[in-house]
Amino acid sequence: MKNRIGTITGLTVLFVLLSTTTALAADFSGDMIQTTQMGVKNLKIFVSGDKSRVESEDSIIITRIDKKVMWIVMPQQRMYMEQSLSSEHLMTPMDKYPGEIERTLIGREVIDGRAVDKYRIVTAVAMGATEMKSTMYQWFAPDLGFPVKMAAEDGSWTVEYKNIRLGGQAASLFEVPAGYQKSSGQMMYPDELMEEMPEDTRDY
């Protein structure tokens, strides 16, 4: 059950990170390192105002808060999927997370030479008839207006930014490449993925 909770929570956090670009204090690029029980993913991230782009080995996720849309781009297939973003999925970096019931400032630390504020955050989310509680830590960088690291208290996942480079980003990074075909498939949110799972596989 812990592994299942960690995986779903990690997916939720990654989605939240990709959606919290509306109040960033700076444009930047850098490396995003995501660690779960499934392994380590090394991603590239580019942020410009209310736009973000995250690159993995086989796909690109472009989030456009201004258009309230997210694109999943698949370069090998020269295709992309489109997902609309409703107001419930949009939040600024210091807004409460879905189901957040507690947020405590632990203190100030230094990560990669940058002063950050460390928070302990507790969430409680209903999954069917069961309430799933989880606790995570967030290291928020005031100069960026963005958390540079997040981690589950039980160590089941972490998301961390490295090699952050401040500066403007090319507008073309935040557009679907010309000539790509739109797929009829649609991305699912983490909570929707959980609802689609058969009852006997949810590990409640």
Protein backbone atom coordinates (compact mmCIF):
# COMPACT_ATOMS: atom_id res chain seq x y z
CA MET A 1 0.00 0.00 0.00
CA LYS A 2 2.84 2.41 0.82
CA ASN A 3 4.35 1.92 -2.64
CA ARG A 4 1.00 2.58 -4.28
CA ILE A 5 0.46 5.73 -2.22
CA GLY A 6 3.97 6.93 -2.98
CA THR A 7 3.51 6.44 -6.72
CA ILE A 8 0.14 8.22 -6.87
CA THR A 9 1.38 11.04 -4.63
CA GLY A 10 4.50 11.44 -6.77
CA LEU A 11 2.36 11.71 -9.91
CA THR A 12 0.16 14.29 -8.21
CA VAL A 13 3.13 16.37 -7.09
CA LEU A 14 4.68 16.31 -10.56
CA PHE A 15 1.38 17.47 -12.07
CA VAL A 16 1.11 20.24 -9.47
CA LEU A 17 4.67 21.37 -10.21
CA LEU A 18 3.86 21.60 -13.91
CA SER A 19 0.75 23.65 -13.14
CA THR A 20 2.22 26.14 -10.66
CA THR A 21 3.84 28.57 -13.05
CA THR A 22 1.52 31.56 -12.77
CA ALA A 23 3.41 33.47 -10.07
CA LEU A 24 7.06 32.74 -10.71
CA ALA A 25 9.42 35.61 -9.92
CA ALA A 26 11.97 34.62 -12.57
CA ASP A 27 12.36 32.95 -15.95
CA PHE A 28 14.80 30.05 -15.82
CA SER A 29 15.95 26.71 -17.18
CA GLY A 30 17.45 23.78 -15.32
CA ASP A 31 17.42 20.07 -14.55
CA MET A 32 14.51 18.37 -12.80
CA ILE A 33 15.33 15.13 -11.01
CA GLN A 34 12.34 12.97 -10.08
CA THR A 35 12.93 9.94 -7.85
CA THR A 36 10.27 7.31 -7.00
CA GLN A 37 10.21 3.57 -6.27
CA MET A 38 10.13 3.12 -10.05
CA GLY A 39 13.54 4.77 -10.42
CA VAL A 40 15.14 8.10 -11.23
CA LYS A 41 14.07 10.37 -14.09
CA ASN A 42 16.34 13.17 -15.27
CA LEU A 43 14.28 15.88 -16.95
CA LYS A 44 14.95 19.32 -18.43
CA ILE A 45 12.71 22.24 -17.47
CA PHE A 46 12.23 25.65 -19.07
CA VAL A 47 10.02 28.36 -17.53
CA SER A 48 8.93 31.73 -18.91
CA GLY A 49 6.24 33.55 -16.96
CA ASP A 50 3.07 31.46 -17.13
CA LYS A 51 4.59 28.92 -19.54
CA SER A 52 6.65 25.81 -18.79
CA ARG A 53 8.25 22.98 -20.74
CA VAL A 54 9.53 19.69 -19.29
CA GLU A 55 11.56 17.33 -21.50
CA SER A 56 12.07 13.61 -20.87
CA GLU A 57 13.74 11.02 -23.11
CA ASP A 58 10.61 10.31 -25.15
CA SER A 59 8.12 13.11 -24.50
CA ILE A 60 7.72 16.82 -23.80
CA ILE A 61 5.10 18.40 -21.54
CA ILE A 62 4.23 22.02 -22.34
CA THR A 63 1.99 23.86 -19.89
CA ARG A 64 0.33 27.11 -21.00
CA ILE A 65 -1.51 28.75 -18.13
CA ASP A 66 -2.39 31.68 -20.41
CA LYS A 67 -4.27 29.30 -22.71
CA LYS A 68 -5.39 26.97 -19.88
CA VAL A 69 -3.99 24.00 -21.76
CA MET A 70 -1.32 21.31 -21.40
CA TRP A 71 0.25 19.55 -24.38
CA ILE A 72 1.97 16.16 -24.27
CA VAL A 73 4.31 16.13 -27.27
CA MET A 74 5.69 12.84 -28.65
CA PRO A 75 8.58 13.67 -31.03
CA GLN A 76 9.12 10.09 -32.24
CA GLN A 77 5.51 9.85 -33.41
CA ARG A 78 5.33 13.53 -34.43
CA MET A 79 2.06 13.73 -32.49
CA TYR A 80 0.69 15.50 -29.41
CA MET A 81 -2.18 15.18 -26.93
CA GLU A 82 -4.05 18.16 -25.53
CA GLN A 83 -5.52 18.53 -22.04
CA SER A 84 -7.51 21.56 -20.94
CA LEU A 85 -6.70 22.97 -17.50
CA SER A 86 -9.61 24.02 -15.32
CA SER A 87 -9.28 26.53 -12.49
CA GLU A 88 -9.15 23.70 -9.92
CA HIS A 89 -5.88 22.50 -11.47
CA LEU A 90 -4.23 25.93 -11.53
CA MET A 91 -2.45 27.26 -8.47
CA THR A 92 0.40 29.53 -7.48
CA PRO A 93 3.44 27.98 -5.77
CA MET A 94 2.33 29.03 -2.27
CA ASP A 95 -1.34 28.07 -2.67
CA LYS A 96 -2.57 25.09 -0.68
CA TYR A 97 -2.11 21.72 -2.34
CA PRO A 98 -5.19 19.57 -3.01
CA GLY A 99 -6.35 18.27 0.37
CA GLU A 100 -3.78 20.29 2.36
CA ILE A 101 -4.70 20.36 6.04
CA GLU A 102 -1.46 21.53 7.64
CA ARG A 103 1.61 23.61 6.66
CA THR A 104 4.43 24.32 9.11
CA LEU A 105 7.57 26.38 8.55
CA ILE A 106 10.46 24.23 9.82
CA GLY A 107 13.25 26.74 9.25
CA ARG A 108 15.74 28.06 6.71
CA GLU A 109 18.32 25.92 4.89
CA VAL A 110 20.74 26.34 1.99
CA ILE A 111 20.47 24.21 -1.17
CA ASP A 112 23.05 24.67 -3.93
CA GLY A 113 24.06 28.00 -2.41
CA ARG A 114 20.49 29.31 -2.38
CA ALA A 115 18.65 30.20 0.85
CA VAL A 116 15.35 28.31 1.05
CA ASP A 117 12.47 28.02 3.51
CA LYS A 118 11.63 24.44 4.52
CA TYR A 119 7.96 23.56 5.09
CA ARG A 120 6.26 20.41 6.35
CA ILE A 121 2.96 19.86 4.55
CA VAL A 122 0.23 17.35 5.41
CA THR A 123 -2.52 16.44 2.92
CA ALA A 124 -5.62 14.25 3.20
CA VAL A 125 -7.29 13.14 -0.02
CA ALA A 126 -10.38 10.92 -0.34
CA MET A 127 -9.79 7.82 -2.48
CA GLY A 128 -13.11 6.03 -2.70
CA ALA A 129 -14.27 5.28 0.83
CA THR A 130 -10.78 5.75 2.26
CA GLU A 131 -8.96 8.95 3.24
CA MET A 132 -5.32 8.89 2.18
CA LYS A 133 -3.04 10.99 4.37
CA SER A 134 0.50 11.88 3.34
CA THR A 135 3.24 14.20 4.56
CA MET A 136 5.88 15.93 2.48
CA TYR A 137 8.56 18.58 2.79
CA GLN A 138 8.93 21.60 0.51
CA TRP A 139 12.05 23.76 0.15
CA PHE A 140 10.81 27.11 -1.18
CA ALA A 141 13.25 29.62 -2.73
CA PRO A 142 11.96 33.19 -2.17
CA ASP A 143 14.24 34.63 -4.87
CA LEU A 144 12.69 32.31 -7.47
CA GLY A 145 9.18 32.27 -6.03
CA PHE A 146 9.26 28.50 -6.50
CA PRO A 147 10.10 25.31 -4.54
CA VAL A 148 13.49 23.93 -5.60
CA LYS A 149 12.90 20.62 -3.84
CA MET A 150 9.99 18.52 -2.59
CA ALA A 151 10.13 15.15 -0.86
CA ALA A 152 7.82 12.66 0.82
CA GLU A 153 8.43 12.30 4.54
CA ASP A 154 8.68 8.51 4.11
CA GLY A 155 11.28 8.89 1.35
CA SER A 156 9.06 7.32 -1.34
CA TRP A 157 9.64 10.18 -3.81
CA THR A 158 11.55 13.41 -4.36
CA VAL A 159 11.48 16.15 -6.99
CA GLU A 160 14.49 18.47 -7.11
CA TYR A 161 15.78 21.23 -9.38
CA LYS A 162 19.49 21.49 -10.17
CA ASN A 163 21.69 23.74 -12.33
CA ILE A 164 19.14 26.56 -12.34
CA ARG A 165 20.03 29.22 -14.91
CA LEU A 166 18.12 32.50 -14.75
CA GLY A 167 17.23 34.26 -17.99
CA GLY A 168 14.68 34.58 -20.80
CA GLN A 169 13.61 31.53 -22.79
CA ALA A 170 12.80 31.24 -26.51
CA ALA A 171 9.06 31.55 -27.24
CA SER A 172 9.25 28.54 -29.60
CA LEU A 173 9.94 26.24 -26.64
CA PHE A 174 6.34 26.68 -25.50
CA GLU A 175 4.60 25.85 -28.79
CA VAL A 176 3.73 22.52 -30.41
CA PRO A 177 6.19 22.01 -33.30
CA ALA A 178 4.81 22.69 -36.76
CA GLY A 179 3.61 19.61 -38.64
CA TYR A 180 2.70 17.56 -35.55
CA GLN A 181 -0.69 15.82 -35.61
CA LYS A 182 -3.12 16.03 -32.71
CA SER A 183 -3.91 12.65 -31.13
CA SER A 184 -7.46 11.69 -30.19
CA GLY A 185 -6.17 10.35 -26.87
CA GLN A 186 -6.47 12.43 -23.73
CA MET A 187 -4.27 12.72 -20.67
CA MET A 188 -5.77 11.75 -17.29
CA TYR A 189 -5.19 13.55 -14.00
CA PRO A 190 -3.71 11.49 -11.12
CA ASP A 191 -7.02 11.39 -9.22
CA GLU A 192 -8.78 10.19 -12.38
CA LEU A 193 -6.16 7.46 -12.80
CA MET A 194 -6.93 6.26 -9.29
CA GLU A 195 -10.67 6.21 -9.98
CA GLU A 196 -10.11 4.13 -13.14
CA MET A 197 -8.19 1.42 -11.23
CA PRO A 198 -10.18 -1.74 -10.39
CA GLU A 199 -11.26 -1.88 -6.73
CA ASP A 200 -9.16 -4.99 -6.04
CA THR A 201 -5.94 -3.32 -7.23
CA ARG A 202 -6.13 -0.10 -5.21
CA ASP A 203 -4.47 -1.61 -2.10
CA TYR A 204 -6.61 0.36 0.35
